N, C-alpha and C. Protein backbone atom coordinates (compact mmCIF):
# COMPACT_ATOMS: atom_id res chain seq x y z
N LEU A 1 153.97 56.29 -11.15
CA LEU A 1 153.25 57.38 -10.88
C LEU A 1 153.01 58.22 -9.77
N ASN A 2 152.66 57.32 -8.97
CA ASN A 2 152.29 57.72 -7.54
C ASN A 2 153.49 58.14 -7.15
N MET A 3 154.69 57.15 -7.16
CA MET A 3 156.04 57.90 -6.65
C MET A 3 156.39 59.18 -7.24
N ARG A 4 156.57 59.06 -8.31
CA ARG A 4 156.96 60.32 -8.82
C ARG A 4 156.33 61.43 -8.43
N MET A 5 154.91 61.15 -8.34
CA MET A 5 153.98 62.73 -7.48
C MET A 5 154.18 62.70 -6.11
N GLY A 6 154.87 61.76 -5.24
CA GLY A 6 155.30 62.06 -3.72
C GLY A 6 156.53 62.70 -4.07
N LEU A 7 157.63 62.15 -5.18
CA LEU A 7 159.05 62.96 -5.40
C LEU A 7 158.86 63.94 -5.89
N GLY A 8 158.13 64.53 -6.71
CA GLY A 8 158.19 66.04 -6.89
C GLY A 8 157.54 66.79 -6.09
N SER A 9 156.27 66.30 -5.37
CA SER A 9 155.81 67.28 -3.96
C SER A 9 156.87 67.50 -2.87
N ALA A 10 157.77 66.60 -2.60
CA ALA A 10 158.96 66.56 -1.55
C ALA A 10 159.85 67.21 -2.23
N LEU A 11 160.26 67.32 -3.55
CA LEU A 11 161.22 68.05 -4.03
C LEU A 11 160.60 70.03 -3.98
N ALA A 12 159.16 70.09 -4.57
CA ALA A 12 158.66 71.16 -4.23
C ALA A 12 158.56 71.83 -2.50
N ASN A 13 158.64 71.18 -1.94
CA ASN A 13 158.24 71.30 -0.31
C ASN A 13 159.63 71.79 0.03
N ALA A 14 160.78 71.01 -0.49
CA ALA A 14 162.00 70.96 -0.29
C ALA A 14 162.45 72.44 -0.84
N GLY A 15 162.01 72.92 -1.78
CA GLY A 15 162.54 74.03 -2.63
C GLY A 15 161.81 75.17 -1.93
N ALA A 16 160.76 75.02 -1.49
CA ALA A 16 160.08 76.79 -0.64
C ALA A 16 160.69 76.40 0.73
N CYS A 17 161.07 75.36 1.27
CA CYS A 17 162.16 75.76 2.59
C CYS A 17 163.19 76.47 2.55
N LEU A 18 164.42 75.78 1.44
CA LEU A 18 165.10 76.73 0.90
C LEU A 18 165.05 78.20 0.38
N ALA A 19 164.19 78.46 -0.08
CA ALA A 19 163.83 80.13 -0.43
C ALA A 19 163.64 80.45 1.12
N ALA A 20 162.53 80.10 1.96
CA ALA A 20 162.28 81.07 3.09
C ALA A 20 163.74 80.90 3.92
N LEU A 21 164.50 79.81 3.93
CA LEU A 21 165.56 79.76 4.47
C LEU A 21 166.85 80.61 4.23
N ALA A 22 166.65 81.16 3.07
CA ALA A 22 167.39 82.02 2.13
C ALA A 22 167.40 83.16 2.77
N LEU A 23 165.95 83.81 2.53
CA LEU A 23 165.72 84.93 2.70
C LEU A 23 166.01 85.34 4.58
N LEU A 24 166.08 84.37 5.48
CA LEU A 24 166.71 84.16 6.81
C LEU A 24 167.52 84.72 6.70
N LEU A 25 169.01 84.91 5.84
CA LEU A 25 170.25 85.15 5.83
C LEU A 25 170.41 86.73 5.30
N THR A 26 169.26 87.38 5.03
CA THR A 26 169.69 88.68 4.94
C THR A 26 168.80 89.55 5.67
N GLY A 27 168.66 90.87 5.43
CA GLY A 27 167.95 91.90 6.12
C GLY A 27 168.31 92.46 7.43
N HIS A 28 167.40 93.00 7.98
CA HIS A 28 168.10 93.41 9.16
C HIS A 28 167.81 92.36 10.22
N SER A 29 167.03 91.30 10.07
CA SER A 29 167.02 90.28 11.02
C SER A 29 167.90 89.38 11.08
N SER A 30 168.87 89.42 10.47
CA SER A 30 170.32 88.47 9.85
C SER A 30 170.99 89.20 10.79
N ILE A 31 170.96 90.50 11.16
CA ILE A 31 172.17 91.15 11.89
C ILE A 31 171.95 91.44 13.38
N HIS A 32 170.64 91.32 13.59
CA HIS A 32 170.17 91.46 14.94
C HIS A 32 170.61 90.47 16.15
N PRO A 33 170.63 91.28 17.18
CA PRO A 33 171.52 90.21 18.48
C PRO A 33 170.20 88.97 18.65
N LEU A 34 168.91 89.45 18.68
CA LEU A 34 168.25 88.53 18.82
C LEU A 34 167.86 87.08 17.30
N ARG A 35 168.63 87.31 16.38
CA ARG A 35 168.62 86.56 15.63
C ARG A 35 167.88 85.26 15.81
N TRP A 36 168.34 84.67 16.59
CA TRP A 36 167.98 82.98 17.48
C TRP A 36 166.31 83.12 17.43
N LEU A 37 166.06 84.06 18.17
CA LEU A 37 164.22 84.06 18.03
C LEU A 37 163.87 84.41 16.72
N LEU A 38 164.61 85.82 16.04
CA LEU A 38 163.67 86.06 15.05
C LEU A 38 164.21 84.99 13.52
N ALA A 39 164.75 84.07 13.62
CA ALA A 39 165.03 83.37 12.09
C ALA A 39 164.05 82.57 12.49
N PRO A 40 163.38 81.97 13.40
CA PRO A 40 162.54 80.80 13.20
C PRO A 40 160.96 81.75 13.37
N LEU A 41 160.85 82.52 13.85
CA LEU A 41 159.42 83.83 13.47
C LEU A 41 159.31 84.01 12.05
N LEU A 42 160.58 84.66 11.51
CA LEU A 42 160.32 84.87 10.07
C LEU A 42 159.86 83.99 9.23
N ALA A 43 161.00 82.62 9.53
CA ALA A 43 160.48 81.26 8.73
C ALA A 43 158.95 81.23 9.04
N VAL A 44 158.30 81.04 9.97
CA VAL A 44 156.97 80.33 9.96
C VAL A 44 156.24 81.51 9.31
N HIS A 45 156.26 82.61 9.29
CA HIS A 45 155.55 83.75 8.32
C HIS A 45 156.02 83.70 7.21
N LEU A 46 157.09 83.39 6.93
CA LEU A 46 157.37 83.23 5.46
C LEU A 46 156.75 82.12 4.72
N LEU A 47 156.74 80.76 5.48
CA LEU A 47 156.36 79.52 5.01
C LEU A 47 154.52 79.57 5.08
N VAL A 48 154.47 80.01 6.29
CA VAL A 48 152.56 80.49 6.09
C VAL A 48 152.17 80.76 4.81
N VAL A 49 152.62 82.20 5.11
CA VAL A 49 152.20 82.78 3.72
C VAL A 49 152.48 82.18 2.69
N GLY A 50 153.54 81.57 2.10
CA GLY A 50 154.19 80.98 0.98
C GLY A 50 152.45 79.89 0.87
N PHE A 51 152.62 79.12 1.87
CA PHE A 51 151.26 78.18 1.72
C PHE A 51 149.90 78.78 1.30
N TRP A 52 149.40 80.29 1.82
CA TRP A 52 148.51 80.37 1.68
C TRP A 52 148.28 81.01 -0.44
N PHE A 53 149.34 81.92 -0.28
CA PHE A 53 149.02 82.46 -1.60
C PHE A 53 149.59 81.25 -2.93
N GLY A 54 150.22 80.36 -2.59
CA GLY A 54 150.36 79.10 -3.30
C GLY A 54 149.06 78.18 -3.76
N ALA A 55 148.34 78.63 -2.53
CA ALA A 55 147.11 77.91 -2.60
C ALA A 55 146.02 78.41 -3.60
N LEU A 56 145.89 79.63 -3.70
CA LEU A 56 145.10 80.37 -4.08
C LEU A 56 144.92 80.09 -5.86
N ALA A 57 146.10 79.76 -6.48
CA ALA A 57 145.60 79.37 -8.19
C ALA A 57 144.81 77.67 -8.09
N PRO A 58 145.27 77.01 -7.50
CA PRO A 58 144.92 75.76 -7.50
C PRO A 58 143.06 75.87 -6.53
N LEU A 59 142.63 76.69 -5.81
CA LEU A 59 141.34 76.81 -5.40
C LEU A 59 140.51 77.15 -6.30
N TYR A 60 141.12 78.39 -7.21
CA TYR A 60 140.51 79.28 -8.33
C TYR A 60 140.19 78.14 -8.94
N TRP A 61 140.97 77.25 -9.46
CA TRP A 61 140.81 76.22 -10.89
C TRP A 61 140.05 75.43 -10.36
N SER A 62 139.74 75.09 -9.14
CA SER A 62 139.28 74.01 -8.82
C SER A 62 137.53 74.72 -8.46
N VAL A 63 137.19 75.70 -8.39
CA VAL A 63 136.41 76.30 -8.34
C VAL A 63 135.92 76.47 -9.62
N THR A 64 136.67 76.58 -10.92
CA THR A 64 136.51 77.22 -11.92
C THR A 64 136.10 75.41 -12.74
N ARG A 65 136.84 74.78 -12.24
CA ARG A 65 136.73 73.35 -13.28
C ARG A 65 135.94 72.08 -12.86
N GLU A 66 135.85 71.94 -11.49
CA GLU A 66 135.31 70.95 -10.74
C GLU A 66 134.19 71.34 -10.21
N SER A 67 133.00 70.29 -9.64
CA SER A 67 131.85 70.25 -9.43
C SER A 67 131.78 71.31 -8.40
N PRO A 68 130.75 71.67 -8.04
CA PRO A 68 130.73 72.49 -6.75
C PRO A 68 131.26 71.90 -5.66
N SER A 69 129.95 70.63 -5.77
CA SER A 69 130.73 69.67 -4.48
C SER A 69 131.95 69.28 -4.29
N VAL A 70 132.58 69.07 -5.47
CA VAL A 70 134.33 69.00 -5.24
C VAL A 70 135.02 70.27 -4.67
N ALA A 71 134.50 70.99 -5.43
CA ALA A 71 135.31 72.27 -5.14
C ALA A 71 134.85 72.84 -3.65
N ALA A 72 134.06 72.62 -3.53
CA ALA A 72 133.20 72.90 -1.98
C ALA A 72 134.40 71.98 -0.78
N ARG A 73 134.23 70.98 -1.67
CA ARG A 73 135.24 69.91 -0.07
C ARG A 73 136.82 70.36 -0.49
N LEU A 74 137.02 70.74 -1.08
CA LEU A 74 138.71 71.20 -1.32
C LEU A 74 138.82 72.53 -0.38
N MET A 75 138.16 73.31 -1.05
CA MET A 75 137.51 74.71 -0.25
C MET A 75 137.56 74.39 1.41
N ALA A 76 137.02 73.34 1.58
CA ALA A 76 136.77 73.36 2.97
C ALA A 76 137.79 72.43 3.59
N ARG A 77 138.54 71.58 3.03
CA ARG A 77 139.76 71.09 3.71
C ARG A 77 140.46 72.30 3.59
N PHE A 78 140.79 72.89 2.34
CA PHE A 78 141.95 74.32 2.65
C PHE A 78 141.19 74.99 3.90
N SER A 79 140.43 75.26 4.10
CA SER A 79 140.08 76.39 4.80
C SER A 79 140.03 75.97 6.43
N ALA A 80 140.18 74.23 6.86
CA ALA A 80 140.67 73.87 8.29
C ALA A 80 141.99 74.11 8.55
N LEU A 81 142.77 73.66 7.66
CA LEU A 81 144.51 73.88 7.44
C LEU A 81 144.80 75.07 7.72
N ALA A 82 143.82 76.28 7.46
CA ALA A 82 144.41 77.20 7.00
C ALA A 82 143.83 78.06 8.25
N GLY A 83 142.99 77.75 8.70
CA GLY A 83 142.07 78.20 10.05
C GLY A 83 143.10 77.98 11.66
N TRP A 84 144.05 77.10 11.35
CA TRP A 84 145.07 76.83 12.67
C TRP A 84 146.50 77.89 11.75
N LEU A 85 147.09 77.81 10.57
CA LEU A 85 148.26 77.81 9.87
C LEU A 85 148.29 79.84 9.99
N VAL A 86 147.14 80.37 9.51
CA VAL A 86 147.30 81.54 9.01
C VAL A 86 147.27 82.70 9.87
N PRO A 87 146.78 82.11 11.36
CA PRO A 87 146.65 83.09 12.53
C PRO A 87 148.31 83.10 12.71
N CYS A 88 149.09 82.42 12.48
CA CYS A 88 150.67 82.30 12.67
C CYS A 88 151.48 83.35 11.68
N ILE A 89 150.59 83.92 10.54
CA ILE A 89 151.14 85.09 10.12
C ILE A 89 151.44 86.25 10.67
N LEU A 90 149.95 86.57 11.70
CA LEU A 90 149.76 87.46 12.22
C LEU A 90 150.77 87.81 13.47
N VAL A 91 150.76 86.64 14.26
CA VAL A 91 151.28 86.04 15.77
C VAL A 91 152.79 86.22 15.13
N ALA A 92 153.73 85.89 13.70
CA ALA A 92 155.10 85.58 14.04
C ALA A 92 155.03 87.10 13.78
N GLY A 93 154.32 87.86 12.48
CA GLY A 93 154.81 89.29 12.42
C GLY A 93 154.50 89.89 13.34
N LEU A 94 153.81 90.07 14.22
CA LEU A 94 153.96 91.01 15.33
C LEU A 94 155.05 91.21 16.00
N ALA A 95 155.15 89.97 16.37
CA ALA A 95 156.18 89.42 17.02
C ALA A 95 157.88 89.79 16.71
N VAL A 96 157.68 89.69 15.61
CA VAL A 96 159.41 90.45 14.29
C VAL A 96 158.75 91.73 14.43
N ALA A 97 157.99 92.19 14.49
CA ALA A 97 158.00 93.60 14.41
C ALA A 97 158.27 94.27 15.84
N TYR A 98 157.60 93.59 16.93
CA TYR A 98 158.36 94.28 18.00
C TYR A 98 159.43 93.87 18.61
N VAL A 99 160.21 92.72 18.36
CA VAL A 99 161.79 92.71 18.37
C VAL A 99 162.45 93.54 17.91
N LEU A 100 162.06 93.75 16.80
CA LEU A 100 162.73 95.06 15.85
C LEU A 100 162.40 96.10 16.31
N SER A 101 161.93 96.33 16.86
CA SER A 101 161.36 97.91 17.44
C SER A 101 160.55 97.61 18.42
N PRO A 102 160.97 97.54 20.10
CA PRO A 102 159.91 97.09 21.07
C PRO A 102 158.92 98.56 21.03
N ASP A 103 159.15 99.55 20.69
CA ASP A 103 158.41 100.86 21.24
C ASP A 103 157.51 101.54 19.99
N LEU A 104 156.71 101.84 20.19
CA LEU A 104 155.62 102.52 19.09
C LEU A 104 156.65 103.57 18.79
N VAL A 105 157.39 104.04 18.97
CA VAL A 105 158.20 105.32 18.14
C VAL A 105 157.84 104.66 16.71
N MET A 106 158.40 103.89 16.22
CA MET A 106 158.35 103.04 15.09
C MET A 106 157.17 103.60 14.35
N LEU A 107 156.22 103.60 14.73
CA LEU A 107 154.56 104.05 13.86
C LEU A 107 154.83 105.45 13.27
N GLU A 108 155.76 106.47 14.39
CA GLU A 108 155.74 107.39 13.45
C GLU A 108 156.98 107.67 12.14
N HIS A 109 157.28 106.91 12.19
CA HIS A 109 158.30 106.47 10.57
C HIS A 109 157.74 105.97 9.68
N THR A 110 158.51 105.55 8.20
CA THR A 110 158.04 105.03 7.04
C THR A 110 157.99 103.67 7.31
N TYR A 111 159.10 102.84 8.20
CA TYR A 111 158.79 101.91 8.58
C TYR A 111 157.25 101.24 9.28
N GLY A 112 157.53 101.77 10.43
CA GLY A 112 156.22 101.40 11.15
C GLY A 112 154.58 101.73 10.43
N LYS A 113 154.97 102.75 9.25
CA LYS A 113 153.47 103.32 8.74
C LYS A 113 153.39 101.91 7.50
N LEU A 114 154.23 101.19 7.11
CA LEU A 114 153.92 100.64 6.14
C LEU A 114 154.02 99.14 6.88
N VAL A 115 154.50 98.78 8.07
CA VAL A 115 154.02 97.43 9.09
C VAL A 115 152.61 98.06 8.80
N LEU A 116 151.90 99.13 9.15
CA LEU A 116 150.63 99.03 9.87
C LEU A 116 149.77 99.14 8.23
N VAL A 117 150.74 99.57 7.22
CA VAL A 117 149.66 98.82 5.87
C VAL A 117 149.31 97.52 5.93
N LYS A 118 150.40 96.65 5.73
CA LYS A 118 150.35 95.22 5.63
C LYS A 118 149.53 94.57 6.86
N LEU A 119 149.37 95.05 8.26
CA LEU A 119 148.63 94.82 8.76
C LEU A 119 146.64 95.15 8.28
N ALA A 120 146.79 96.51 8.13
CA ALA A 120 145.24 96.35 7.47
C ALA A 120 145.21 95.53 6.30
N ALA A 121 145.77 95.09 5.23
CA ALA A 121 145.86 94.20 4.33
C ALA A 121 145.50 92.95 4.97
N PHE A 122 146.15 92.73 6.19
CA PHE A 122 146.18 91.08 6.83
C PHE A 122 144.68 91.37 6.92
N VAL A 123 144.26 91.86 8.01
CA VAL A 123 142.47 92.21 8.44
C VAL A 123 141.72 91.86 6.99
N LEU A 124 142.09 92.65 6.35
CA LEU A 124 141.11 92.89 4.94
C LEU A 124 140.96 91.18 4.39
N LEU A 125 142.26 90.20 4.57
CA LEU A 125 141.91 89.52 3.67
C LEU A 125 142.04 88.07 4.66
N MET A 126 141.57 88.17 6.08
CA MET A 126 141.04 87.69 7.05
C MET A 126 139.60 87.63 7.03
N ALA A 127 139.12 88.89 6.67
CA ALA A 127 137.55 88.85 6.17
C ALA A 127 137.14 88.53 5.02
N LEU A 128 138.07 88.44 4.11
CA LEU A 128 137.57 87.63 2.78
C LEU A 128 137.70 86.35 3.22
N ALA A 129 138.73 85.68 3.83
CA ALA A 129 138.84 84.40 4.16
C ALA A 129 137.80 83.76 4.64
N SER A 130 137.33 84.75 6.08
CA SER A 130 136.16 83.87 6.55
C SER A 130 134.72 84.12 5.49
N TYR A 131 134.78 85.39 4.76
CA TYR A 131 133.41 85.41 3.77
C TYR A 131 133.60 83.88 3.00
N ASN A 132 134.72 84.01 2.46
CA ASN A 132 134.74 82.68 1.59
C ASN A 132 134.64 81.28 2.40
N LYS A 133 135.16 81.02 3.43
CA LYS A 133 134.83 79.77 4.40
C LYS A 133 132.90 79.87 5.09
N TRP A 134 132.33 81.19 5.18
CA TRP A 134 131.43 80.68 6.10
C TRP A 134 129.89 81.34 5.20
N TRP A 135 130.07 81.76 4.45
CA TRP A 135 129.09 82.47 3.13
C TRP A 135 129.37 81.48 1.85
N LEU A 136 130.50 81.78 1.20
CA LEU A 136 130.41 81.63 0.02
C LEU A 136 130.95 79.67 -0.73
N THR A 137 131.34 79.24 0.16
CA THR A 137 132.06 77.80 0.25
C THR A 137 130.29 76.96 0.56
N PRO A 138 129.88 77.42 1.56
CA PRO A 138 128.59 76.32 1.90
C PRO A 138 127.54 76.96 0.56
N ALA A 139 127.28 77.81 0.20
CA ALA A 139 126.44 78.51 -0.80
C ALA A 139 127.13 77.74 -1.99
N MET A 140 127.96 77.58 -2.26
CA MET A 140 128.33 76.92 -3.66
C MET A 140 128.04 75.34 -3.41
N GLU A 141 128.02 74.81 -2.58
CA GLU A 141 128.30 73.15 -1.78
C GLU A 141 126.66 73.29 -2.20
N SER A 142 125.90 74.34 -1.92
CA SER A 142 123.96 73.83 -1.81
C SER A 142 123.81 74.15 -3.01
N GLY A 143 124.78 74.40 -4.30
CA GLY A 143 124.15 74.68 -5.48
C GLY A 143 123.65 76.27 -5.66
N LYS A 144 123.80 77.29 -4.85
CA LYS A 144 123.32 78.41 -5.07
C LYS A 144 124.00 79.30 -5.93
N SER A 145 122.89 79.94 -6.87
CA SER A 145 123.35 80.61 -8.22
C SER A 145 124.35 81.65 -7.73
N GLY A 146 125.33 81.88 -8.73
CA GLY A 146 126.55 82.97 -8.84
C GLY A 146 127.30 82.64 -7.39
N ALA A 147 127.44 81.46 -6.70
CA ALA A 147 128.35 82.09 -5.66
C ALA A 147 129.77 80.85 -6.12
N ALA A 148 129.55 80.21 -7.08
CA ALA A 148 131.25 80.16 -7.98
C ALA A 148 131.47 81.04 -8.10
N ARG A 149 130.84 81.74 -8.80
CA ARG A 149 131.61 83.20 -9.62
C ARG A 149 132.06 84.33 -8.21
N SER A 150 131.04 84.12 -7.63
CA SER A 150 131.85 85.16 -6.19
C SER A 150 132.81 84.87 -5.61
N LEU A 151 132.77 83.28 -5.68
CA LEU A 151 134.16 82.77 -4.75
C LEU A 151 135.37 83.05 -5.84
N ARG A 152 134.91 82.76 -7.25
CA ARG A 152 136.47 83.49 -7.63
C ARG A 152 136.84 84.72 -7.67
N GLN A 153 135.89 85.52 -7.42
CA GLN A 153 136.00 86.85 -7.34
C GLN A 153 137.16 87.43 -6.32
N THR A 154 136.73 86.28 -4.99
CA THR A 154 137.23 87.16 -4.13
C THR A 154 138.38 86.37 -3.70
N ILE A 155 138.59 85.07 -4.19
CA ILE A 155 140.01 84.60 -4.35
C ILE A 155 140.58 85.38 -4.85
N SER A 156 140.38 85.55 -6.55
CA SER A 156 141.23 87.00 -6.85
C SER A 156 141.41 88.07 -6.17
N LEU A 157 140.85 88.50 -5.60
CA LEU A 157 141.06 89.74 -4.28
C LEU A 157 142.27 89.47 -3.71
N GLU A 158 142.12 88.21 -2.87
CA GLU A 158 142.86 87.67 -1.95
C GLU A 158 144.15 87.58 -2.85
N PHE A 159 144.34 87.30 -3.68
CA PHE A 159 145.56 87.29 -4.28
C PHE A 159 146.30 88.22 -4.99
N LEU A 160 145.35 89.53 -5.24
CA LEU A 160 145.76 90.59 -5.32
C LEU A 160 146.56 91.48 -4.53
N LEU A 161 145.73 91.18 -3.33
CA LEU A 161 146.05 91.73 -2.12
C LEU A 161 147.56 91.14 -1.46
N ILE A 162 147.55 89.99 -1.87
CA ILE A 162 148.93 89.07 -1.59
C ILE A 162 150.01 89.85 -2.17
N VAL A 163 149.71 90.00 -3.12
CA VAL A 163 150.74 90.61 -4.27
C VAL A 163 150.84 91.90 -3.62
N GLY A 164 149.80 92.77 -3.42
CA GLY A 164 150.35 93.83 -2.64
C GLY A 164 150.94 94.01 -1.60
N VAL A 165 150.55 93.41 -0.74
CA VAL A 165 151.39 92.86 0.60
C VAL A 165 152.69 92.40 -0.07
N LEU A 166 153.17 91.83 -0.70
CA LEU A 166 154.57 91.53 -1.15
C LEU A 166 155.10 92.80 -1.60
N ALA A 167 154.57 93.23 -2.66
CA ALA A 167 155.23 94.87 -2.72
C ALA A 167 155.85 95.45 -1.72
N VAL A 168 154.38 95.70 -0.87
CA VAL A 168 155.10 96.75 0.19
C VAL A 168 155.91 96.22 1.02
N THR A 169 155.90 95.00 1.76
CA THR A 169 157.29 94.49 2.27
C THR A 169 158.77 94.42 1.21
N ALA A 170 158.41 94.54 -0.05
CA ALA A 170 160.05 94.60 -1.09
C ALA A 170 160.39 96.12 -0.13
N VAL A 171 159.51 96.66 -0.39
CA VAL A 171 160.06 98.37 -0.31
C VAL A 171 160.63 98.65 1.27
N LEU A 172 159.67 97.80 2.09
CA LEU A 172 159.86 97.96 3.53
C LEU A 172 161.39 97.37 3.64
N THR A 173 161.32 96.11 3.18
CA THR A 173 162.73 95.66 3.11
C THR A 173 163.94 96.09 2.73
N THR A 174 163.75 96.87 2.01
CA THR A 174 164.58 97.04 0.54
C THR A 174 165.53 98.79 1.01
N TYR A 175 164.38 99.38 1.32
CA TYR A 175 164.59 100.46 1.48
C TYR A 175 164.38 101.38 3.10
N TYR A 176 164.05 100.52 4.01
CA TYR A 176 163.62 101.17 5.45
C TYR A 176 164.18 99.82 6.32
N SER A 177 164.15 100.66 7.15
CA SER A 177 164.70 99.43 8.70
C SER A 177 163.75 99.83 9.93
N PRO A 178 163.98 99.24 10.88
CA PRO A 178 163.30 99.60 12.00
C PRO A 178 163.95 100.88 12.88
N GLU A 179 164.92 101.19 12.69
CA GLU A 179 165.65 102.23 13.35
C GLU A 179 165.86 103.53 12.58
N SER A 180 165.24 103.57 11.36
CA SER A 180 165.13 104.95 10.72
C SER A 180 164.32 105.57 11.08
């Protein structure tokens, strides 16, 4: 059984990497002269977003179904890893935006405004994640009344915000380019 679980995880990770790599073959970054730089930046951006988004449902379920101490340990482990990975979303995203449009003129156009919407949503997501890590997880672990419910609510809000960012990204990459 453990071998099957290991194989399943390996196949799921390989599938996630293939999906991210497939996205590198389309869009304005695929035809850009600095594709060699954009491709790894975009890959990091996509894979870390996928990690964060993919972790939210299991985290929610753990807060709902596990004891507070087990759920808090899982939240703490996720936060420790995410604390190093999630800032890569911002760094890679800003680097991609800069390479595609190195001047601030793009902010006058729809493309730049949508990038700013994504940036604002990221800041809000980081605030929620910080609240979860520094206040709600310790409160749940100590048995504080209502902490688990509040944690489920903020995880749900993170999920909805990421779905919103993905929708904005779909519009951004389908209908606009940095040159517009």
